[in-house]
Amino acid sequence: MRAVVSTVSSARVTVDGETVGQVDAEVDGEFRGALLALVGVGRGDGPEKWSTVARKIAELRLLPPRGGSWSDPRNVSVTDNDAAVLVVSQFTLAGSTVKGRRPSWSGAAPAAEAEVAVDTVVAELRARGVRELRARGVRVATGRFGAEMSVESVNEGPFTVVVEA
């Protein structure tokens, strides 16, 4: 399983002209930061990998402190800041470009398996509580699995990391 995670001031997914998921770094005028996570599921990836990816997305210290700005040191996580994450399924992350000029998608999980995996990552992110607000989990927006999506993002930094499990 692989996720490409970027810090963003805003990101959104549209399907047929309708916004289906959106995140912003500012909430009610306060800076919290936000992440865009493109998630790819490979054949044989199981629940342990799904949990690892969800944990890493929630706990990676990629954001400046809550109330700060993008120019501040980046040493805070999504759960520390009550930041939001936009999760978008991206089967092409399981592609291989080792041979030839055309990527091979044979390493990607079948759609039914991948959908369960991505849904589980989203559920596990939502279940992770904010330190001072334990009752509430991470705010997560999503794309629409299997749809032709348009993804827009304003990357900050840019800070982009590949998370693998």
Protein backbone atom coordinates (compact mmCIF):
# COMPACT_ATOMS: atom_id res chain seq x y z
CA MET A 1 0.00 0.00 0.00
CA ARG A 2 1.23 3.43 -0.87
CA ALA A 3 0.05 6.99 -0.23
CA VAL A 4 1.40 10.24 -1.61
CA VAL A 5 0.74 12.89 1.04
CA SER A 6 1.05 16.65 0.42
CA THR A 7 0.54 19.64 2.68
CA VAL A 8 -2.11 21.87 1.15
CA SER A 9 -3.77 25.17 1.89
CA SER A 10 -6.80 23.79 0.05
CA ALA A 11 -7.77 20.77 -2.02
CA ARG A 12 -10.98 19.53 -3.58
CA VAL A 13 -12.36 16.73 -5.69
CA THR A 14 -15.11 17.19 -8.22
CA VAL A 15 -17.13 14.57 -10.09
CA ASP A 16 -19.26 15.70 -13.01
CA GLY A 17 -18.89 19.33 -11.91
CA GLU A 18 -20.02 18.62 -8.33
CA THR A 19 -17.60 19.07 -5.41
CA VAL A 20 -17.67 15.77 -3.50
CA GLY A 21 -14.80 16.45 -1.07
CA GLN A 22 -12.90 19.53 0.06
CA VAL A 23 -10.42 20.57 2.76
CA ASP A 24 -8.95 23.93 3.78
CA ALA A 25 -6.01 24.82 6.01
CA GLU A 26 -8.04 27.49 7.78
CA VAL A 27 -11.15 26.69 9.77
CA ASP A 28 -13.25 29.53 11.21
CA GLY A 29 -10.34 31.93 10.58
CA GLU A 30 -7.78 29.80 12.41
CA PHE A 31 -4.84 28.07 10.69
CA ARG A 32 -4.81 24.30 11.22
CA GLY A 33 -3.22 22.97 8.02
CA ALA A 34 -4.52 20.27 5.72
CA LEU A 35 -3.29 17.24 3.79
CA LEU A 36 -4.13 15.68 0.45
CA ALA A 37 -3.55 11.90 0.54
CA LEU A 38 -3.63 9.95 -2.72
CA VAL A 39 -3.97 6.30 -1.66
CA GLY A 40 -3.09 3.29 -3.82
CA VAL A 41 -3.80 -0.31 -2.86
CA GLY A 42 -1.69 -3.18 -4.14
CA ARG A 43 -2.55 -6.84 -4.51
CA GLY A 44 -2.18 -8.61 -1.20
CA ASP A 45 -2.28 -5.46 0.93
CA GLY A 46 -4.17 -6.39 4.07
CA PRO A 47 -5.68 -4.76 7.15
CA GLU A 48 -2.31 -4.33 8.87
CA LYS A 49 -1.04 -2.19 5.99
CA TRP A 50 -4.28 -0.22 5.86
CA SER A 51 -3.93 0.62 9.57
CA THR A 52 -0.28 1.57 9.17
CA VAL A 53 -1.04 3.99 6.35
CA ALA A 54 -3.92 5.57 8.32
CA ARG A 55 -1.71 5.95 11.39
CA LYS A 56 1.12 7.52 9.41
CA ILE A 57 -1.17 9.98 7.62
CA ALA A 58 -2.60 11.05 10.99
CA GLU A 59 0.71 11.20 12.88
CA LEU A 60 3.34 12.40 10.39
CA ARG A 61 4.74 15.73 11.57
CA LEU A 62 4.29 17.73 8.36
CA LEU A 63 2.32 20.75 9.58
CA PRO A 64 3.16 24.01 11.35
CA PRO A 65 1.53 24.55 14.77
CA ARG A 66 -2.16 25.35 15.02
CA GLY A 67 -2.75 29.10 14.71
CA GLY A 68 0.63 29.56 12.97
CA SER A 69 1.47 29.86 9.30
CA TRP A 70 3.14 27.83 6.56
CA SER A 71 6.45 29.59 7.25
CA ASP A 72 6.60 28.16 10.80
CA PRO A 73 8.57 24.96 11.52
CA ARG A 74 6.71 21.84 10.43
CA ASN A 75 6.69 19.57 13.43
CA VAL A 76 3.01 18.94 14.14
CA SER A 77 0.60 16.24 12.97
CA VAL A 78 -2.98 16.24 11.74
CA THR A 79 -4.20 14.96 15.10
CA ASP A 80 -2.23 17.63 16.99
CA ASN A 81 -3.80 20.44 14.94
CA ASP A 82 -7.31 19.13 14.34
CA ALA A 83 -6.38 19.46 10.67
CA ALA A 84 -8.32 17.93 7.78
CA VAL A 85 -7.33 15.27 5.26
CA LEU A 86 -8.70 14.77 1.75
CA VAL A 87 -8.32 11.08 0.84
CA VAL A 88 -8.50 10.17 -2.84
CA SER A 89 -8.24 6.62 -4.14
CA GLN A 90 -5.47 6.40 -6.74
CA PHE A 91 -5.00 2.91 -8.21
CA THR A 92 -2.23 4.20 -10.49
CA LEU A 93 0.10 4.37 -7.46
CA ALA A 94 0.32 0.58 -7.72
CA GLY A 95 1.54 0.86 -11.32
CA SER A 96 4.95 -0.36 -12.40
CA THR A 97 7.18 1.44 -14.88
CA VAL A 98 10.10 -1.00 -14.67
CA LYS A 99 9.68 -2.28 -18.21
CA GLY A 100 8.80 -0.47 -21.40
CA ARG A 101 6.97 2.79 -21.89
CA ARG A 102 3.49 1.73 -20.79
CA PRO A 103 2.85 1.32 -17.05
CA SER A 104 1.61 -2.04 -15.85
CA TRP A 105 -1.38 -1.99 -13.50
CA SER A 106 -1.19 -5.70 -12.63
CA GLY A 107 0.07 -4.86 -9.12
CA ALA A 108 -3.08 -2.91 -8.28
CA ALA A 109 -5.69 -4.57 -6.09
CA PRO A 110 -9.02 -5.44 -7.74
CA ALA A 111 -11.57 -2.63 -7.36
CA ALA A 112 -13.70 -4.40 -4.73
CA GLU A 113 -10.63 -5.04 -2.52
CA ALA A 114 -9.24 -1.55 -3.03
CA GLU A 115 -12.54 0.10 -2.14
CA VAL A 116 -12.69 -1.78 1.18
CA ALA A 117 -9.07 -0.82 1.89
CA VAL A 118 -9.57 2.89 1.16
CA ASP A 119 -12.83 2.95 3.14
CA THR A 120 -10.97 1.36 6.07
CA VAL A 121 -8.18 3.97 5.90
CA VAL A 122 -10.83 6.71 5.95
CA ALA A 123 -12.67 5.10 8.88
CA GLU A 124 -9.45 4.67 10.86
CA LEU A 125 -8.47 8.28 10.23
CA ARG A 126 -11.88 9.47 11.41
CA ALA A 127 -11.56 7.34 14.55
CA ARG A 128 -8.27 8.94 15.59
CA GLY A 129 -9.07 11.52 18.25
CA VAL A 130 -7.64 14.99 18.58
CA ARG A 131 -5.57 15.22 21.77
CA GLU A 132 -7.62 17.91 23.47
CA LEU A 133 -10.91 16.77 21.93
CA ARG A 134 -10.75 12.99 22.34
CA ALA A 135 -14.39 12.54 21.42
CA ARG A 136 -13.85 13.86 17.89
CA GLY A 137 -11.78 12.18 15.21
CA VAL A 138 -9.83 13.53 12.28
CA ARG A 139 -11.91 15.52 9.79
CA VAL A 140 -11.73 13.55 6.54
CA ALA A 141 -13.16 14.38 3.13
CA THR A 142 -13.05 11.91 0.25
CA GLY A 143 -13.31 11.53 -3.46
CA ARG A 144 -15.72 9.04 -5.03
CA PHE A 145 -14.28 5.58 -5.53
CA GLY A 146 -14.13 4.49 -9.16
CA ALA A 147 -15.35 7.82 -10.52
CA GLU A 148 -13.59 10.01 -13.05
CA MET A 149 -12.44 12.70 -10.61
CA SER A 150 -10.86 16.11 -11.00
CA VAL A 151 -8.48 16.81 -8.11
CA GLU A 152 -7.33 20.36 -7.43
CA SER A 153 -4.82 21.31 -4.78
CA VAL A 154 -2.77 24.28 -3.66
CA ASN A 155 0.36 22.66 -2.26
CA GLU A 156 2.30 24.45 0.45
CA GLY A 157 6.07 24.12 0.60
CA PRO A 158 5.62 22.00 -1.29
CA PHE A 159 5.95 19.23 1.24
CA THR A 160 5.14 15.87 -0.34
CA VAL A 161 6.08 12.46 1.05
CA VAL A 162 5.47 8.88 -0.01
CA VAL A 163 4.08 6.67 2.75
CA GLU A 164 4.52 2.94 2.23
CA ALA A 165 3.35 0.01 4.28
